[in-house]
Amino acid sequence: MEARGKASWYGKKFQHHKTYNGESFDMYKLTAAHRYLPLGSYVRVTNLRTKKSVVVRINDRGPHIKNRMIDLSYAAAKAIGMTGIDTVRIEYVE
Protein backbone atom coordinates (compact mmCIF):
# COMPACT_ATOMS: atom_id res chain seq x y z
CA MET A 1 0.00 0.00 0.00
CA GLU A 2 1.27 3.46 -0.89
CA ALA A 3 -0.52 6.79 -0.57
CA ARG A 4 0.25 10.50 -0.76
CA GLY A 5 -1.38 13.26 1.21
CA LYS A 6 -1.06 15.96 3.82
CA ALA A 7 0.59 15.25 7.16
CA SER A 8 0.42 17.20 10.38
CA TRP A 9 1.93 16.55 13.78
CA TYR A 10 0.97 16.72 17.44
CA GLY A 11 3.03 17.13 20.56
CA LYS A 12 3.04 18.84 23.94
CA LYS A 13 -0.72 19.53 24.12
CA PHE A 14 -1.41 15.78 23.93
CA GLN A 15 1.57 14.52 25.93
CA HIS A 16 0.50 11.64 28.23
CA HIS A 17 -3.09 11.59 26.91
CA LYS A 18 -4.45 8.14 26.11
CA THR A 19 -4.14 7.06 22.49
CA TYR A 20 -6.79 4.97 20.74
CA ASN A 21 -4.98 1.74 21.63
CA GLY A 22 -4.86 2.75 25.32
CA GLU A 23 -1.20 3.67 25.68
CA SER A 24 0.00 7.03 26.89
CA PHE A 25 1.01 9.36 24.05
CA ASP A 26 4.71 10.18 24.09
CA MET A 27 5.66 12.95 21.70
CA TYR A 28 9.27 11.71 21.71
CA LYS A 29 8.44 8.26 20.26
CA LEU A 30 8.08 7.50 16.56
CA THR A 31 4.32 7.03 16.39
CA ALA A 32 1.40 8.27 14.32
CA ALA A 33 -2.37 8.47 14.04
CA HIS A 34 -4.16 7.14 10.95
CA ARG A 35 -7.87 6.70 10.28
CA TYR A 36 -7.91 3.04 9.24
CA LEU A 37 -4.47 1.37 9.16
CA PRO A 38 -4.27 -1.40 11.76
CA LEU A 39 -3.10 -0.32 15.19
CA GLY A 40 0.41 -1.62 15.78
CA SER A 41 1.31 -1.56 12.08
CA TYR A 42 4.34 0.26 10.75
CA VAL A 43 4.56 2.71 7.87
CA ARG A 44 7.43 4.58 6.26
CA VAL A 45 6.60 8.27 5.98
CA THR A 46 8.59 10.32 3.47
CA ASN A 47 8.41 14.10 3.42
CA LEU A 48 8.23 14.94 -0.29
CA ARG A 49 9.74 18.38 0.32
CA THR A 50 12.83 17.28 2.27
CA LYS A 51 13.07 13.69 0.92
CA LYS A 52 13.67 12.47 4.51
CA SER A 53 11.81 9.41 5.78
CA VAL A 54 11.04 7.71 9.07
CA VAL A 55 9.27 4.51 10.10
CA VAL A 56 6.46 5.03 12.62
CA ARG A 57 4.07 2.74 14.49
CA ILE A 58 0.34 3.46 14.22
CA ASN A 59 -1.02 3.76 17.76
CA ASP A 60 -3.85 6.28 17.44
CA ARG A 61 -6.80 7.28 15.25
CA GLY A 62 -6.89 10.52 13.33
CA PRO A 63 -6.27 13.01 11.95
CA HIS A 64 -9.58 14.63 12.72
CA ILE A 65 -9.18 17.30 10.05
CA LYS A 66 -10.70 16.16 6.77
CA ASN A 67 -7.91 16.98 4.28
CA ARG A 68 -5.08 15.36 6.27
CA MET A 69 -3.94 11.77 5.88
CA ILE A 70 -1.70 11.18 8.91
CA ASP A 71 -0.78 12.85 12.21
CA LEU A 72 2.81 12.28 13.30
CA SER A 73 4.30 12.57 16.76
CA TYR A 74 6.63 15.51 17.33
CA ALA A 75 9.68 13.22 17.11
CA ALA A 76 8.58 11.71 13.80
CA ALA A 77 7.82 15.12 12.31
CA LYS A 78 11.18 16.45 13.43
CA ALA A 79 12.98 13.42 11.93
CA ILE A 80 11.63 14.25 8.46
CA GLY A 81 12.05 18.01 8.69
CA MET A 82 8.42 19.04 9.15
CA THR A 83 7.72 22.43 10.67
CA GLY A 84 4.02 22.62 9.82
CA ILE A 85 1.90 20.71 7.36
CA ASP A 86 3.74 18.92 4.54
CA THR A 87 2.89 16.52 1.74
CA VAL A 88 4.11 13.01 2.46
CA ARG A 89 4.15 9.53 0.97
CA ILE A 90 3.29 6.64 3.28
CA GLU A 91 4.23 3.05 2.56
CA TYR A 92 3.07 0.07 4.58
CA VAL A 93 6.04 -1.81 6.06
CA GLU A 94 5.62 -5.59 6.31
C-alpha atoms as a PDB file:
ATOM      1  CA  MET A   1       0.000   0.000   0.000  1.00  0.00           C
ATOM      2  CA  GLU A   2       1.270   3.461  -0.888  1.00  0.00           C
ATOM      3  CA  ALA A   3      -0.525   6.795  -0.575  1.00  0.00           C
ATOM      4  CA  ARG A   4       0.254  10.497  -0.758  1.00  0.00           C
ATOM      5  CA  GLY A   5      -1.378  13.265   1.205  1.00  0.00           C
ATOM      6  CA  LYS A   6      -1.056  15.965   3.824  1.00  0.00           C
ATOM      7  CA  ALA A   7       0.586  15.247   7.165  1.00  0.00           C
ATOM      8  CA  SER A   8       0.421  17.202  10.385  1.00  0.00           C
ATOM      9  CA  TRP A   9       1.930  16.547  13.785  1.00  0.00           C
ATOM     10  CA  TYR A  10       0.968  16.724  17.439  1.00  0.00           C
ATOM     11  CA  GLY A  11       3.026  17.133  20.559  1.00  0.00           C
ATOM     12  CA  LYS A  12       3.042  18.838  23.944  1.00  0.00           C
ATOM     13  CA  LYS A  13      -0.716  19.535  24.120  1.00  0.00           C
ATOM     14  CA  PHE A  14      -1.412  15.784  23.929  1.00  0.00           C
ATOM     15  CA  GLN A  15       1.572  14.516  25.930  1.00  0.00           C
ATOM     16  CA  HIS A  16       0.496  11.638  28.233  1.00  0.00           C
ATOM     17  CA  HIS A  17      -3.093  11.594  26.907  1.00  0.00           C
ATOM     18  CA  LYS A  18      -4.449   8.135  26.110  1.00  0.00           C
ATOM     19  CA  THR A  19      -4.138   7.065  22.489  1.00  0.00           C
ATOM     20  CA  TYR A  20      -6.792   4.975  20.742  1.00  0.00           C
ATOM     21  CA  ASN A  21      -4.985   1.745  21.630  1.00  0.00           C
ATOM     22  CA  GLY A  22      -4.863   2.752  25.315  1.00  0.00           C
ATOM     23  CA  GLU A  23      -1.205   3.668  25.677  1.00  0.00           C
ATOM     24  CA  SER A  24       0.001   7.028  26.885  1.00  0.00           C
ATOM     25  CA  PHE A  25       1.006   9.358  24.049  1.00  0.00           C
ATOM     26  CA  ASP A  26       4.710  10.182  24.090  1.00  0.00           C
ATOM     27  CA  MET A  27       5.661  12.953  21.696  1.00  0.00           C
ATOM     28  CA  TYR A  28       9.274  11.709  21.709  1.00  0.00           C
ATOM     29  CA  LYS A  29       8.439   8.260  20.262  1.00  0.00           C
ATOM     30  CA  LEU A  30       8.084   7.499  16.564  1.00  0.00           C
ATOM     31  CA  THR A  31       4.317   7.028  16.394  1.00  0.00           C
ATOM     32  CA  ALA A  32       1.400   8.273  14.316  1.00  0.00           C
ATOM     33  CA  ALA A  33      -2.368   8.466  14.038  1.00  0.00           C
ATOM     34  CA  HIS A  34      -4.159   7.144  10.951  1.00  0.00           C
ATOM     35  CA  ARG A  35      -7.868   6.702  10.276  1.00  0.00           C
ATOM     36  CA  TYR A  36      -7.915   3.035   9.240  1.00  0.00           C
ATOM     37  CA  LEU A  37      -4.470   1.373   9.156  1.00  0.00           C
ATOM     38  CA  PRO A  38      -4.270  -1.402  11.760  1.00  0.00           C
ATOM     39  CA  LEU A  39      -3.104  -0.324  15.194  1.00  0.00           C
ATOM     40  CA  GLY A  40       0.410  -1.617  15.782  1.00  0.00           C
ATOM     41  CA  SER A  41       1.311  -1.564  12.081  1.00  0.00           C
ATOM     42  CA  TYR A  42       4.345   0.257  10.752  1.00  0.00           C
ATOM     43  CA  VAL A  43       4.562   2.707   7.870  1.00  0.00           C
ATOM     44  CA  ARG A  44       7.431   4.577   6.261  1.00  0.00           C
ATOM     45  CA  VAL A  45       6.596   8.269   5.980  1.00  0.00           C
ATOM     46  CA  THR A  46       8.592  10.321   3.474  1.00  0.00           C
ATOM     47  CA  ASN A  47       8.414  14.100   3.420  1.00  0.00           C
ATOM     48  CA  LEU A  48       8.231  14.936  -0.287  1.00  0.00           C
ATOM     49  CA  ARG A  49       9.737  18.378   0.316  1.00  0.00           C
ATOM     50  CA  THR A  50      12.835  17.276   2.268  1.00  0.00           C
ATOM     51  CA  LYS A  51      13.074  13.687   0.915  1.00  0.00           C
ATOM     52  CA  LYS A  52      13.674  12.470   4.506  1.00  0.00           C
ATOM     53  CA  SER A  53      11.812   9.412   5.778  1.00  0.00           C
ATOM     54  CA  VAL A  54      11.038   7.714   9.069  1.00  0.00           C
ATOM     55  CA  VAL A  55       9.268   4.505  10.103  1.00  0.00           C
ATOM     56  CA  VAL A  56       6.457   5.025  12.621  1.00  0.00           C
ATOM     57  CA  ARG A  57       4.071   2.743  14.494  1.00  0.00           C
ATOM     58  CA  ILE A  58       0.344   3.463  14.216  1.00  0.00           C
ATOM     59  CA  ASN A  59      -1.023   3.761  17.758  1.00  0.00           C
ATOM     60  CA  ASP A  60      -3.854   6.276  17.435  1.00  0.00           C
ATOM     61  CA  ARG A  61      -6.799   7.278  15.250  1.00  0.00           C
ATOM     62  CA  GLY A  62      -6.891  10.518  13.329  1.00  0.00           C
ATOM     63  CA  PRO A  63      -6.267  13.006  11.953  1.00  0.00           C
ATOM     64  CA  HIS A  64      -9.584  14.628  12.722  1.00  0.00           C
ATOM     65  CA  ILE A  65      -9.182  17.304  10.051  1.00  0.00           C
ATOM     66  CA  LYS A  66     -10.699  16.158   6.771  1.00  0.00           C
ATOM     67  CA  ASN A  67      -7.911  16.981   4.285  1.00  0.00           C
ATOM     68  CA  ARG A  68      -5.078  15.359   6.271  1.00  0.00           C
ATOM     69  CA  MET A  69      -3.938  11.771   5.878  1.00  0.00           C
ATOM     70  CA  ILE A  70      -1.696  11.180   8.915  1.00  0.00           C
ATOM     71  CA  ASP A  71      -0.776  12.846  12.210  1.00  0.00           C
ATOM     72  CA  LEU A  72       2.814  12.279  13.298  1.00  0.00           C
ATOM     73  CA  SER A  73       4.301  12.565  16.755  1.00  0.00           C
ATOM     74  CA  TYR A  74       6.630  15.512  17.331  1.00  0.00           C
ATOM     75  CA  ALA A  75       9.684  13.217  17.114  1.00  0.00           C
ATOM     76  CA  ALA A  76       8.576  11.706  13.799  1.00  0.00           C
ATOM     77  CA  ALA A  77       7.819  15.125  12.307  1.00  0.00           C
ATOM     78  CA  LYS A  78      11.185  16.454  13.431  1.00  0.00           C
ATOM     79  CA  ALA A  79      12.976  13.424  11.933  1.00  0.00           C
ATOM     80  CA  ILE A  80      11.632  14.252   8.461  1.00  0.00           C
ATOM     81  CA  GLY A  81      12.048  18.011   8.694  1.00  0.00           C
ATOM     82  CA  MET A  82       8.420  19.035   9.155  1.00  0.00           C
ATOM     83  CA  THR A  83       7.718  22.429  10.670  1.00  0.00           C
ATOM     84  CA  GLY A  84       4.024  22.620   9.823  1.00  0.00           C
ATOM     85  CA  ILE A  85       1.900  20.705   7.355  1.00  0.00           C
ATOM     86  CA  ASP A  86       3.737  18.918   4.544  1.00  0.00           C
ATOM     87  CA  THR A  87       2.895  16.520   1.739  1.00  0.00           C
ATOM     88  CA  VAL A  88       4.111  13.005   2.459  1.00  0.00           C
ATOM     89  CA  ARG A  89       4.149   9.531   0.975  1.00  0.00           C
ATOM     90  CA  ILE A  90       3.289   6.645   3.280  1.00  0.00           C
ATOM     91  CA  GLU A  91       4.231   3.054   2.559  1.00  0.00           C
ATOM     92  CA  TYR A  92       3.070   0.071   4.576  1.00  0.00           C
ATOM     93  CA  VAL A  93       6.043  -1.809   6.057  1.00  0.00           C
ATOM     94  CA  GLU A  94       5.617  -5.591   6.305  1.00  0.00           C
END
